[in-house]
C-alpha atoms as a PDB file:
ATOM      1  CA  MET A   1      74.465  13.212 193.255  1.00  0.00           C
ATOM      2  CA  GLU A   2      78.164  12.708 193.912  1.00  0.00           C
ATOM      3  CA  ALA A   3      77.486  10.012 196.529  1.00  0.00           C
ATOM      4  CA  SER A   4      75.372   7.991 194.105  1.00  0.00           C
ATOM      5  CA  VAL A   5      77.979   8.305 191.355  1.00  0.00           C
ATOM      6  CA  THR A   6      80.640   7.229 193.827  1.00  0.00           C
ATOM      7  CA  ASN A   7      78.570   4.217 194.896  1.00  0.00           C
ATOM      8  CA  MET A   8      77.811   3.175 191.296  1.00  0.00           C
ATOM      9  CA  LEU A   9      81.489   3.433 190.332  1.00  0.00           C
ATOM     10  CA  ARG A  10      82.521   1.313 193.370  1.00  0.00           C
ATOM     11  CA  ASP A  11      79.714  -1.195 192.886  1.00  0.00           C
ATOM     12  CA  LYS A  12      80.880  -1.839 189.345  1.00  0.00           C
ATOM     13  CA  GLY A  13      84.536  -2.229 190.481  1.00  0.00           C
ATOM     14  CA  PHE A  14      85.884   1.117 189.219  1.00  0.00           C
ATOM     15  CA  LYS A  15      88.075   3.468 191.181  1.00  0.00           C
ATOM     16  CA  VAL A  16      86.624   6.723 192.333  1.00  0.00           C
ATOM     17  CA  THR A  17      88.910   9.601 191.348  1.00  0.00           C
ATOM     18  CA  PRO A  18      88.432  13.357 191.527  1.00  0.00           C
ATOM     19  CA  GLN A  19      88.838  13.469 187.713  1.00  0.00           C
ATOM     20  CA  ARG A  20      86.015  10.930 187.141  1.00  0.00           C
ATOM     21  CA  LEU A  21      83.737  12.824 189.479  1.00  0.00           C
ATOM     22  CA  ALA A  22      84.590  16.133 187.824  1.00  0.00           C
ATOM     23  CA  ILE A  23      83.891  14.766 184.373  1.00  0.00           C
ATOM     24  CA  TYR A  24      80.500  13.472 185.434  1.00  0.00           C
ATOM     25  CA  SER A  25      79.743  16.829 187.140  1.00  0.00           C
ATOM     26  CA  VAL A  26      80.453  18.698 183.901  1.00  0.00           C
ATOM     27  CA  LEU A  27      78.051  16.493 182.073  1.00  0.00           C
ATOM     28  CA  ALA A  28      75.338  16.585 184.776  1.00  0.00           C
ATOM     29  CA  ALA A  29      75.548  20.376 185.009  1.00  0.00           C
ATOM     30  CA  THR A  30      74.965  21.148 181.354  1.00  0.00           C
ATOM     31  CA  LYS A  31      72.471  20.579 178.599  1.00  0.00           C
ATOM     32  CA  SER A  32      74.945  21.554 175.894  1.00  0.00           C
ATOM     33  CA  HIS A  33      75.911  17.929 175.149  1.00  0.00           C
ATOM     34  CA  PRO A  34      79.666  18.524 175.118  1.00  0.00           C
ATOM     35  CA  SER A  35      82.240  16.529 173.245  1.00  0.00           C
ATOM     36  CA  ALA A  36      85.203  14.943 175.051  1.00  0.00           C
ATOM     37  CA  GLU A  37      87.375  17.827 173.895  1.00  0.00           C
ATOM     38  CA  MET A  38      84.924  20.377 175.355  1.00  0.00           C
ATOM     39  CA  ILE A  39      84.906  18.546 178.676  1.00  0.00           C
ATOM     40  CA  PHE A  40      88.739  18.375 178.634  1.00  0.00           C
ATOM     41  CA  ASN A  41      88.969  22.107 178.006  1.00  0.00           C
ATOM     42  CA  ASP A  42      86.493  22.898 180.743  1.00  0.00           C
ATOM     43  CA  LEU A  43      88.557  20.978 183.317  1.00  0.00           C
ATOM     44  CA  GLN A  44      91.975  21.864 182.152  1.00  0.00           C
ATOM     45  CA  THR A  45      92.531  24.646 184.694  1.00  0.00           C
ATOM     46  CA  LEU A  46      91.327  22.466 187.573  1.00  0.00           C
ATOM     47  CA  TYR A  47      93.225  19.363 186.451  1.00  0.00           C
ATOM     48  CA  PRO A  48      96.175  20.539 184.393  1.00  0.00           C
ATOM     49  CA  THR A  49      97.747  17.044 184.313  1.00  0.00           C
ATOM     50  CA  MET A  50      94.627  15.275 183.171  1.00  0.00           C
ATOM     51  CA  SER A  51      94.874  13.901 179.643  1.00  0.00           C
ATOM     52  CA  LEU A  52      92.232  13.789 176.925  1.00  0.00           C
ATOM     53  CA  ALA A  53      92.587  10.004 177.137  1.00  0.00           C
ATOM     54  CA  THR A  54      91.374  10.163 180.728  1.00  0.00           C
ATOM     55  CA  VAL A  55      88.249  11.929 179.577  1.00  0.00           C
ATOM     56  CA  TYR A  56      87.533   9.371 176.923  1.00  0.00           C
ATOM     57  CA  LYS A  57      88.177   6.437 179.354  1.00  0.00           C
ATOM     58  CA  THR A  58      85.963   8.015 182.026  1.00  0.00           C
ATOM     59  CA  ILE A  59      83.124   8.546 179.527  1.00  0.00           C
ATOM     60  CA  ASP A  60      83.377   4.891 178.501  1.00  0.00           C
ATOM     61  CA  ILE A  61      83.114   3.858 182.176  1.00  0.00           C
ATOM     62  CA  LEU A  62      80.156   6.281 182.752  1.00  0.00           C
ATOM     63  CA  ARG A  63      78.395   4.925 179.683  1.00  0.00           C
ATOM     64  CA  GLU A  64      79.055   1.341 180.793  1.00  0.00           C
ATOM     65  CA  ILE A  65      77.423   1.884 184.232  1.00  0.00           C
ATOM     66  CA  GLY A  66      74.491   3.763 182.718  1.00  0.00           C
ATOM     67  CA  LEU A  67      75.258   7.339 183.762  1.00  0.00           C
ATOM     68  CA  VAL A  68      75.951   8.804 180.315  1.00  0.00           C
ATOM     69  CA  GLN A  69      74.562   8.310 176.788  1.00  0.00           C
ATOM     70  CA  VAL A  70      76.660   8.764 173.630  1.00  0.00           C
ATOM     71  CA  LEU A  71      75.193  10.922 170.940  1.00  0.00           C
ATOM     72  CA  ASN A  72      76.098  10.854 167.255  1.00  0.00           C
ATOM     73  CA  ALA A  73      74.241  13.822 165.810  1.00  0.00           C
ATOM     74  CA  GLY A  74      76.070  13.672 162.468  1.00  0.00           C
ATOM     75  CA  GLU A  75      79.215  15.458 163.340  1.00  0.00           C
ATOM     76  CA  ASP A  76      82.861  14.389 163.253  1.00  0.00           C
ATOM     77  CA  CYS A  77      82.790  13.732 167.005  1.00  0.00           C
ATOM     78  CA  PHE A  78      80.499  12.247 169.629  1.00  0.00           C
ATOM     79  CA  ARG A  79      78.626  14.293 172.174  1.00  0.00           C
ATOM     80  CA  TYR A  80      77.645  13.126 175.649  1.00  0.00           C
ATOM     81  CA  ASP A  81      74.533  13.537 177.773  1.00  0.00           C
ATOM     82  CA  ALA A  82      74.046  12.738 181.479  1.00  0.00           C
ATOM     83  CA  ASN A  83      70.317  12.499 180.849  1.00  0.00           C
ATOM     84  CA  THR A  84      70.023   8.823 179.997  1.00  0.00           C
ATOM     85  CA  ASP A  85      66.223   8.860 179.587  1.00  0.00           C
ATOM     86  CA  ASP A  86      65.152   8.212 175.994  1.00  0.00           C
ATOM     87  CA  HIS A  87      64.584  11.636 174.425  1.00  0.00           C
ATOM     88  CA  PRO A  88      65.120  13.200 170.988  1.00  0.00           C
ATOM     89  CA  HIS A  89      67.761  15.749 170.158  1.00  0.00           C
ATOM     90  CA  ILE A  90      67.934  18.585 167.602  1.00  0.00           C
ATOM     91  CA  ARG A  91      71.134  19.920 166.024  1.00  0.00           C
ATOM     92  CA  CYS A  92      71.654  23.361 164.522  1.00  0.00           C
ATOM     93  CA  MET A  93      73.265  22.908 161.160  1.00  0.00           C
ATOM     94  CA  SER A  94      74.710  26.386 161.370  1.00  0.00           C
ATOM     95  CA  CYS A  95      76.478  26.547 164.721  1.00  0.00           C
ATOM     96  CA  GLY A  96      76.434  22.893 165.813  1.00  0.00           C
ATOM     97  CA  ARG A  97      74.395  23.422 168.974  1.00  0.00           C
ATOM     98  CA  VAL A  98      72.580  20.259 170.199  1.00  0.00           C
ATOM     99  CA  ASP A  99      69.479  20.597 172.334  1.00  0.00           C
ATOM    100  CA  ASP A 100      67.176  18.184 174.088  1.00  0.00           C
ATOM    101  CA  MET A 101      63.645  18.074 172.715  1.00  0.00           C
ATOM    102  CA  ASP A 102      61.714  18.007 175.953  1.00  0.00           C
ATOM    103  CA  GLY A 103      58.053  17.213 175.895  1.00  0.00           C
ATOM    104  CA  VAL A 104      58.229  15.280 172.632  1.00  0.00           C
ATOM    105  CA  ASP A 105      56.719  11.793 173.105  1.00  0.00           C
ATOM    106  CA  VAL A 106      58.260   9.279 170.714  1.00  0.00           C
ATOM    107  CA  SER A 107      56.756   6.192 172.344  1.00  0.00           C
ATOM    108  CA  GLY A 108      54.008   5.906 169.729  1.00  0.00           C
ATOM    109  CA  PHE A 109      56.579   5.859 166.947  1.00  0.00           C
ATOM    110  CA  VAL A 110      58.705   3.262 168.807  1.00  0.00           C
ATOM    111  CA  HIS A 111      55.556   1.118 169.239  1.00  0.00           C
ATOM    112  CA  THR A 112      54.772   1.439 165.549  1.00  0.00           C
ATOM    113  CA  VAL A 113      58.347   0.360 164.580  1.00  0.00           C
ATOM    114  CA  SER A 114      58.068  -2.604 166.894  1.00  0.00           C
ATOM    115  CA  GLN A 115      54.708  -3.662 165.441  1.00  0.00           C
ATOM    116  CA  THR A 116      55.677  -3.196 161.805  1.00  0.00           C
ATOM    117  CA  THR A 117      59.053  -4.933 162.049  1.00  0.00           C
ATOM    118  CA  SER A 118      58.308  -7.558 164.678  1.00  0.00           C
ATOM    119  CA  TYR A 119      61.483  -6.429 166.472  1.00  0.00           C
ATOM    120  CA  GLN A 120      61.647  -6.112 170.210  1.00  0.00           C
ATOM    121  CA  VAL A 121      62.940  -2.530 170.289  1.00  0.00           C
ATOM    122  CA  THR A 122      65.542  -2.198 173.023  1.00  0.00           C
ATOM    123  CA  GLY A 123      66.489   1.426 172.461  1.00  0.00           C
ATOM    124  CA  GLN A 124      66.596   4.266 169.965  1.00  0.00           C
ATOM    125  CA  GLN A 125      68.017   7.696 169.330  1.00  0.00           C
ATOM    126  CA  PHE A 126      66.179  10.381 167.435  1.00  0.00           C
ATOM    127  CA  TYR A 127      68.009  13.317 165.841  1.00  0.00           C
ATOM    128  CA  PHE A 128      66.377  16.229 164.099  1.00  0.00           C
ATOM    129  CA  TYR A 129      68.312  18.955 162.169  1.00  0.00           C
ATOM    130  CA  GLY A 130      67.554  22.559 161.554  1.00  0.00           C
ATOM    131  CA  VAL A 131      68.667  26.104 162.314  1.00  0.00           C
ATOM    132  CA  CYS A 132      68.479  27.292 165.981  1.00  0.00           C
ATOM    133  CA  PRO A 133      66.683  30.545 166.939  1.00  0.00           C
ATOM    134  CA  ASP A 134      70.021  32.326 167.510  1.00  0.00           C
ATOM    135  CA  CYS A 135      71.300  31.503 164.019  1.00  0.00           C
ATOM    136  CA  GLN A 136      67.974  32.324 162.511  1.00  0.00           C
ATOM    137  CA  GLY A 137      68.312  35.813 164.006  1.00  0.00           C
ATOM    138  CA  LYS A 138      71.788  36.175 162.537  1.00  0.00           C
ATOM    139  CA  ILE A 139      70.712  35.016 159.145  1.00  0.00           C
ATOM    140  CA  SER A 140      67.664  37.350 158.997  1.00  0.00           C
ATOM    141  CA  SER A 141      69.722  40.336 160.062  1.00  0.00           C
ATOM    142  CA  ASN A 142      72.190  39.867 157.212  1.00  0.00           C
END
């Protein structure tokens, strides 16, 4: 993985730095869809001189070269996902957790949108909202 990220950065004219590789590694190793602040906090002990601005700049670069997608699940901040395949997400309205919705095929809906609007659909993001199983358990035990 690291070699391909390194090659993609170099091929697009970006410097390869330990911080950039670490930021991508955090994203690739989680399904929690962290915000920039979460990534920054995760890496603070390893890179104490790294700034939050470095995290944001790196995420912009990774998005530009197609390694990260930006999620706006209706919060005050963006979340990031190293899985760049088109897939829907669901957000818990109680704790804020954001999960992938694996196994949900949205291609039929995208086709319907294309047919009914005459648009050539070039991308989409689907967000669903609810209460996650953990929060449901906390609510029912109160």
